[in-house]
Amino acid sequence: MKRATLTITQASELLGISRNSAYEQARTGQLAGVPVIRVGRRLLIPAALLRSALGLDGREEIASQPTKQGTDNDPPANGA
């Protein structure tokens, strides 16, 4: 099941803007012309409205979060 809302970070990735820029816009109550929902301290964006504003049909996936570098399974950087 798809989530009905996106976090500011997810929305910024979909928009191709920095997270800080997205938060600045969200503080005005709108992000890319889409209303921001405040739940406690969280700011959420209605996914369907943002995709519609961008002209997406909903099948596009949000870019995955960058993976953490330097996990225990990675070889040492110095080749040792």
C-alpha atoms as a PDB file:
ATOM      1  CA  MET A   1       0.000   0.000   0.000  1.00  0.00           C
ATOM      2  CA  LYS A   2       1.344   3.412  -0.950  1.00  0.00           C
ATOM      3  CA  ARG A   3       1.617   6.065   1.705  1.00  0.00           C
ATOM      4  CA  ALA A   4      -0.808   8.939   1.345  1.00  0.00           C
ATOM      5  CA  THR A   5       1.754  11.498   2.474  1.00  0.00           C
ATOM      6  CA  LEU A   6       5.414  12.234   1.881  1.00  0.00           C
ATOM      7  CA  THR A   7       7.968  13.651   4.268  1.00  0.00           C
ATOM      8  CA  ILE A   8       9.669  16.902   3.339  1.00  0.00           C
ATOM      9  CA  THR A   9      12.815  14.934   2.473  1.00  0.00           C
ATOM     10  CA  GLN A  10      10.899  12.608   0.131  1.00  0.00           C
ATOM     11  CA  ALA A  11       9.113  15.545  -1.488  1.00  0.00           C
ATOM     12  CA  SER A  12      12.416  17.397  -1.997  1.00  0.00           C
ATOM     13  CA  GLU A  13      13.842  14.349  -3.799  1.00  0.00           C
ATOM     14  CA  LEU A  14      10.788  14.154  -6.048  1.00  0.00           C
ATOM     15  CA  LEU A  15      11.070  17.887  -6.775  1.00  0.00           C
ATOM     16  CA  GLY A  16      14.829  17.779  -7.276  1.00  0.00           C
ATOM     17  CA  ILE A  17      15.505  20.509  -4.719  1.00  0.00           C
ATOM     18  CA  SER A  18      17.535  20.539  -1.529  1.00  0.00           C
ATOM     19  CA  ARG A  19      15.980  19.488   1.739  1.00  0.00           C
ATOM     20  CA  ASN A  20      16.641  22.953   3.178  1.00  0.00           C
ATOM     21  CA  SER A  21      14.852  24.645   0.269  1.00  0.00           C
ATOM     22  CA  ALA A  22      11.899  22.316   0.746  1.00  0.00           C
ATOM     23  CA  TYR A  23      11.688  23.152   4.458  1.00  0.00           C
ATOM     24  CA  GLU A  24      11.868  26.883   3.686  1.00  0.00           C
ATOM     25  CA  GLN A  25       8.941  26.561   1.288  1.00  0.00           C
ATOM     26  CA  ALA A  26       6.998  24.292   3.649  1.00  0.00           C
ATOM     27  CA  ARG A  27       7.192  26.906   6.417  1.00  0.00           C
ATOM     28  CA  THR A  28       5.008  29.138   4.231  1.00  0.00           C
ATOM     29  CA  GLY A  29       2.332  26.422   4.308  1.00  0.00           C
ATOM     30  CA  GLN A  30       2.840  25.356   0.692  1.00  0.00           C
ATOM     31  CA  LEU A  31       5.452  23.324  -1.169  1.00  0.00           C
ATOM     32  CA  ALA A  32       5.345  23.571  -4.958  1.00  0.00           C
ATOM     33  CA  GLY A  33       1.785  24.876  -4.668  1.00  0.00           C
ATOM     34  CA  VAL A  34       0.656  21.929  -2.550  1.00  0.00           C
ATOM     35  CA  PRO A  35      -0.627  22.503   0.986  1.00  0.00           C
ATOM     36  CA  VAL A  36       1.546  21.236   3.825  1.00  0.00           C
ATOM     37  CA  ILE A  37      -0.092  19.202   6.584  1.00  0.00           C
ATOM     38  CA  ARG A  38       1.245  19.708  10.087  1.00  0.00           C
ATOM     39  CA  VAL A  39       0.859  16.736  12.448  1.00  0.00           C
ATOM     40  CA  GLY A  40       2.417  17.709  15.728  1.00  0.00           C
ATOM     41  CA  ARG A  41       5.916  18.788  14.746  1.00  0.00           C
ATOM     42  CA  ARG A  42       5.923  16.794  11.493  1.00  0.00           C
ATOM     43  CA  LEU A  43       5.346  18.404   8.129  1.00  0.00           C
ATOM     44  CA  LEU A  44       3.745  16.127   5.549  1.00  0.00           C
ATOM     45  CA  ILE A  45       2.857  16.586   1.899  1.00  0.00           C
ATOM     46  CA  PRO A  46      -0.159  14.858   0.293  1.00  0.00           C
ATOM     47  CA  ALA A  47       1.513  12.518  -2.206  1.00  0.00           C
ATOM     48  CA  ALA A  48      -1.301  12.503  -4.759  1.00  0.00           C
ATOM     49  CA  LEU A  49      -1.514  16.308  -4.832  1.00  0.00           C
ATOM     50  CA  LEU A  50       2.244  16.714  -5.284  1.00  0.00           C
ATOM     51  CA  ARG A  51       2.376  14.120  -8.059  1.00  0.00           C
ATOM     52  CA  SER A  52      -0.591  15.787  -9.745  1.00  0.00           C
ATOM     53  CA  ALA A  53       1.057  19.221  -9.481  1.00  0.00           C
ATOM     54  CA  LEU A  54       4.144  17.747 -11.163  1.00  0.00           C
ATOM     55  CA  GLY A  55       2.109  16.016 -13.869  1.00  0.00           C
ATOM     56  CA  LEU A  56       3.118  12.538 -12.712  1.00  0.00           C
ATOM     57  CA  ASP A  57       0.706   9.632 -12.982  1.00  0.00           C
ATOM     58  CA  GLY A  58       1.593   8.031  -9.649  1.00  0.00           C
ATOM     59  CA  ARG A  59       3.619   5.148 -11.045  1.00  0.00           C
ATOM     60  CA  GLU A  60       6.928   6.945 -10.579  1.00  0.00           C
ATOM     61  CA  GLU A  61       8.793   5.885  -7.489  1.00  0.00           C
ATOM     62  CA  ILE A  62      10.508   8.266  -5.145  1.00  0.00           C
ATOM     63  CA  ALA A  63      14.272   8.043  -5.309  1.00  0.00           C
ATOM     64  CA  SER A  64      15.598   5.811  -2.571  1.00  0.00           C
ATOM     65  CA  GLN A  65      17.488   7.263   0.344  1.00  0.00           C
ATOM     66  CA  PRO A  66      21.267   7.259  -0.135  1.00  0.00           C
ATOM     67  CA  THR A  67      22.875   4.239   1.443  1.00  0.00           C
ATOM     68  CA  LYS A  68      25.183   4.658   4.390  1.00  0.00           C
ATOM     69  CA  GLN A  69      28.835   4.356   3.406  1.00  0.00           C
ATOM     70  CA  GLY A  70      31.345   2.385   5.409  1.00  0.00           C
ATOM     71  CA  THR A  71      29.275  -0.527   6.698  1.00  0.00           C
ATOM     72  CA  ASP A  72      30.978  -3.517   8.299  1.00  0.00           C
ATOM     73  CA  ASN A  73      30.604  -5.483   5.056  1.00  0.00           C
ATOM     74  CA  ASP A  74      32.604  -2.961   3.014  1.00  0.00           C
ATOM     75  CA  PRO A  75      36.311  -3.593   2.422  1.00  0.00           C
ATOM     76  CA  PRO A  76      38.696  -1.148   4.114  1.00  0.00           C
ATOM     77  CA  ALA A  77      39.298   2.030   2.090  1.00  0.00           C
ATOM     78  CA  ASN A  78      43.089   1.638   2.221  1.00  0.00           C
ATOM     79  CA  GLY A  79      42.985  -1.872   0.765  1.00  0.00           C
ATOM     80  CA  ALA A  80      44.371  -3.489   3.912  1.00  0.00           C
END
